Amino acid sequence: MLKVALEYATKNNASHITQFSVAMSAAADESEESLKFHFEHVTRGTIAEGARVDITRVPVPVKCLECGNDFEWTPELIACPKCASPRIRALPQDEFKLTSIEVE
């Protein structure tokens, strides 16, 4: 994510990246605090050092293998809300996605 942001900033003659907005899967093992800590570490010495990191948790899309229903998974939901089958599969999704940056 940092590489993409730095390339964008360079192409647009930005002198500083002030904010990262990140979508984080609700199924990601990382905590928001650890992701922010990671950003703090990897941005040191770059034009992104000190940038704010805003994280939005996004739901996990799943599909029922019995009835084909698409829905969003939550930790409380262990079966398809349409047919009650426990045979569900998470659909492909990035755990972390850079959604926007702010630059100066």
C-alpha atoms as a PDB file:
ATOM      1  CA  MET A   1       0.000   0.000   0.000  1.00  0.00           C
ATOM      2  CA  LEU A   2       2.837   2.362   0.822  1.00  0.00           C
ATOM      3  CA  LYS A   3       4.515   1.711  -2.531  1.00  0.00           C
ATOM      4  CA  VAL A   4       1.312   2.558  -4.412  1.00  0.00           C
ATOM      5  CA  ALA A   5       0.796   5.707  -2.339  1.00  0.00           C
ATOM      6  CA  LEU A   6       4.383   6.890  -2.835  1.00  0.00           C
ATOM      7  CA  GLU A   7       4.170   6.306  -6.598  1.00  0.00           C
ATOM      8  CA  TYR A   8       0.920   8.277  -6.776  1.00  0.00           C
ATOM      9  CA  ALA A   9       2.353  11.123  -4.694  1.00  0.00           C
ATOM     10  CA  THR A  10       5.493  11.290  -6.838  1.00  0.00           C
ATOM     11  CA  LYS A  11       3.504  11.347 -10.089  1.00  0.00           C
ATOM     12  CA  ASN A  12       1.412  14.212  -8.734  1.00  0.00           C
ATOM     13  CA  ASN A  13       4.341  16.249  -7.383  1.00  0.00           C
ATOM     14  CA  ALA A  14       3.130  15.928  -3.782  1.00  0.00           C
ATOM     15  CA  SER A  15       5.555  16.864  -1.036  1.00  0.00           C
ATOM     16  CA  HIS A  16       3.791  14.981   1.765  1.00  0.00           C
ATOM     17  CA  ILE A  17       1.216  12.239   2.274  1.00  0.00           C
ATOM     18  CA  THR A  18      -1.015  13.330   5.146  1.00  0.00           C
ATOM     19  CA  GLN A  19      -3.549  10.506   5.352  1.00  0.00           C
ATOM     20  CA  PHE A  20      -4.129   6.900   4.350  1.00  0.00           C
ATOM     21  CA  SER A  21      -7.637   5.454   4.212  1.00  0.00           C
ATOM     22  CA  VAL A  22      -7.671   1.668   4.424  1.00  0.00           C
ATOM     23  CA  ALA A  23     -10.497  -0.859   4.154  1.00  0.00           C
ATOM     24  CA  MET A  24      -9.805  -3.798   6.467  1.00  0.00           C
ATOM     25  CA  SER A  25     -11.701  -7.077   6.218  1.00  0.00           C
ATOM     26  CA  ALA A  26     -13.715  -8.027   9.287  1.00  0.00           C
ATOM     27  CA  ALA A  27     -11.980 -11.424   9.007  1.00  0.00           C
ATOM     28  CA  ALA A  28      -8.451  -9.981   9.124  1.00  0.00           C
ATOM     29  CA  ASP A  29      -6.310 -11.311  11.955  1.00  0.00           C
ATOM     30  CA  GLU A  30      -4.601  -7.948  12.447  1.00  0.00           C
ATOM     31  CA  SER A  31      -5.925  -5.386  14.894  1.00  0.00           C
ATOM     32  CA  GLU A  32      -6.410  -1.799  13.824  1.00  0.00           C
ATOM     33  CA  GLU A  33      -3.734  -0.753  16.326  1.00  0.00           C
ATOM     34  CA  SER A  34      -1.156  -3.164  14.896  1.00  0.00           C
ATOM     35  CA  LEU A  35      -1.879  -1.978  11.336  1.00  0.00           C
ATOM     36  CA  LYS A  36      -1.382   1.634  12.435  1.00  0.00           C
ATOM     37  CA  PHE A  37       1.848   0.662  14.200  1.00  0.00           C
ATOM     38  CA  HIS A  38       3.034  -1.061  11.002  1.00  0.00           C
ATOM     39  CA  PHE A  39       2.299   2.076   8.950  1.00  0.00           C
ATOM     40  CA  GLU A  40       4.195   4.184  11.486  1.00  0.00           C
ATOM     41  CA  HIS A  41       7.205   1.893  11.132  1.00  0.00           C
ATOM     42  CA  VAL A  42       7.293   1.568   7.314  1.00  0.00           C
ATOM     43  CA  THR A  43       6.679   5.264   6.623  1.00  0.00           C
ATOM     44  CA  ARG A  44       9.669   6.496   8.650  1.00  0.00           C
ATOM     45  CA  GLY A  45      11.995   8.513   6.458  1.00  0.00           C
ATOM     46  CA  THR A  46       9.452   8.842   3.638  1.00  0.00           C
ATOM     47  CA  ILE A  47       7.113  11.643   2.599  1.00  0.00           C
ATOM     48  CA  ALA A  48       4.382   9.672   4.378  1.00  0.00           C
ATOM     49  CA  GLU A  49       5.995   9.849   7.812  1.00  0.00           C
ATOM     50  CA  GLY A  50       3.462  11.082  10.367  1.00  0.00           C
ATOM     51  CA  ALA A  51       0.463  10.479   8.097  1.00  0.00           C
ATOM     52  CA  ARG A  52      -2.853   9.664   9.759  1.00  0.00           C
ATOM     53  CA  VAL A  53      -4.232   6.175   9.094  1.00  0.00           C
ATOM     54  CA  ASP A  54      -8.027   5.841   8.984  1.00  0.00           C
ATOM     55  CA  ILE A  55      -9.280   2.257   8.981  1.00  0.00           C
ATOM     56  CA  THR A  56     -12.772   1.104   8.086  1.00  0.00           C
ATOM     57  CA  ARG A  57     -13.751  -2.504   8.806  1.00  0.00           C
ATOM     58  CA  VAL A  58     -15.622  -4.009   5.863  1.00  0.00           C
ATOM     59  CA  PRO A  59     -17.867  -7.094   5.976  1.00  0.00           C
ATOM     60  CA  VAL A  60     -16.855 -10.468   4.581  1.00  0.00           C
ATOM     61  CA  PRO A  61     -18.930 -11.566   1.567  1.00  0.00           C
ATOM     62  CA  VAL A  62     -19.962 -15.244   1.722  1.00  0.00           C
ATOM     63  CA  LYS A  63     -21.960 -17.676  -0.387  1.00  0.00           C
ATOM     64  CA  CYS A  64     -24.147 -20.511   0.823  1.00  0.00           C
ATOM     65  CA  LEU A  65     -23.066 -23.768  -0.812  1.00  0.00           C
ATOM     66  CA  GLU A  66     -26.592 -25.200  -0.469  1.00  0.00           C
ATOM     67  CA  CYS A  67     -28.912 -22.515  -1.848  1.00  0.00           C
ATOM     68  CA  GLY A  68     -26.441 -20.102  -3.493  1.00  0.00           C
ATOM     69  CA  ASN A  69     -27.455 -17.146  -1.299  1.00  0.00           C
ATOM     70  CA  ASP A  70     -24.852 -14.345  -1.138  1.00  0.00           C
ATOM     71  CA  PHE A  71     -24.707 -12.486   2.170  1.00  0.00           C
ATOM     72  CA  GLU A  72     -22.303 -10.788   4.580  1.00  0.00           C
ATOM     73  CA  TRP A  73     -20.691 -12.845   7.324  1.00  0.00           C
ATOM     74  CA  THR A  74     -20.578 -11.682  10.922  1.00  0.00           C
ATOM     75  CA  PRO A  75     -19.063 -13.580  13.872  1.00  0.00           C
ATOM     76  CA  GLU A  76     -22.575 -14.311  15.182  1.00  0.00           C
ATOM     77  CA  LEU A  77     -23.740 -15.762  11.865  1.00  0.00           C
ATOM     78  CA  ILE A  78     -22.807 -19.454  11.569  1.00  0.00           C
ATOM     79  CA  ALA A  79     -25.387 -20.497   8.981  1.00  0.00           C
ATOM     80  CA  CYS A  80     -27.103 -19.142   5.890  1.00  0.00           C
ATOM     81  CA  PRO A  81     -29.913 -16.762   6.905  1.00  0.00           C
ATOM     82  CA  LYS A  82     -32.028 -18.008   3.980  1.00  0.00           C
ATOM     83  CA  CYS A  83     -31.827 -21.820   4.331  1.00  0.00           C
ATOM     84  CA  ALA A  84     -29.993 -22.288   7.680  1.00  0.00           C
ATOM     85  CA  SER A  85     -27.263 -24.412   6.097  1.00  0.00           C
ATOM     86  CA  PRO A  86     -23.874 -24.196   7.837  1.00  0.00           C
ATOM     87  CA  ARG A  87     -22.173 -24.876   4.476  1.00  0.00           C
ATOM     88  CA  ILE A  88     -20.944 -21.381   3.640  1.00  0.00           C
ATOM     89  CA  ARG A  89     -17.766 -20.176   1.941  1.00  0.00           C
ATOM     90  CA  ALA A  90     -16.078 -16.797   2.078  1.00  0.00           C
ATOM     91  CA  LEU A  91     -15.762 -15.128  -1.317  1.00  0.00           C
ATOM     92  CA  PRO A  92     -12.354 -13.778  -2.354  1.00  0.00           C
ATOM     93  CA  GLN A  93     -11.550 -10.437  -0.727  1.00  0.00           C
ATOM     94  CA  ASP A  94      -8.396  -8.499   0.083  1.00  0.00           C
ATOM     95  CA  GLU A  95      -7.734  -8.345   3.822  1.00  0.00           C
ATOM     96  CA  PHE A  96      -6.428  -4.794   3.411  1.00  0.00           C
ATOM     97  CA  LYS A  97      -7.140  -2.337   0.624  1.00  0.00           C
ATOM     98  CA  LEU A  98      -5.866   1.213   0.248  1.00  0.00           C
ATOM     99  CA  THR A  99      -8.978   3.212  -0.636  1.00  0.00           C
ATOM    100  CA  SER A 100      -7.523   6.728  -0.746  1.00  0.00           C
ATOM    101  CA  ILE A 101      -4.695   9.011   0.290  1.00  0.00           C
ATOM    102  CA  GLU A 102      -4.473  12.730   0.979  1.00  0.00           C
ATOM    103  CA  VAL A 103      -1.436  14.663  -0.158  1.00  0.00           C
ATOM    104  CA  GLU A 104      -0.017  18.163   0.044  1.00  0.00           C
END
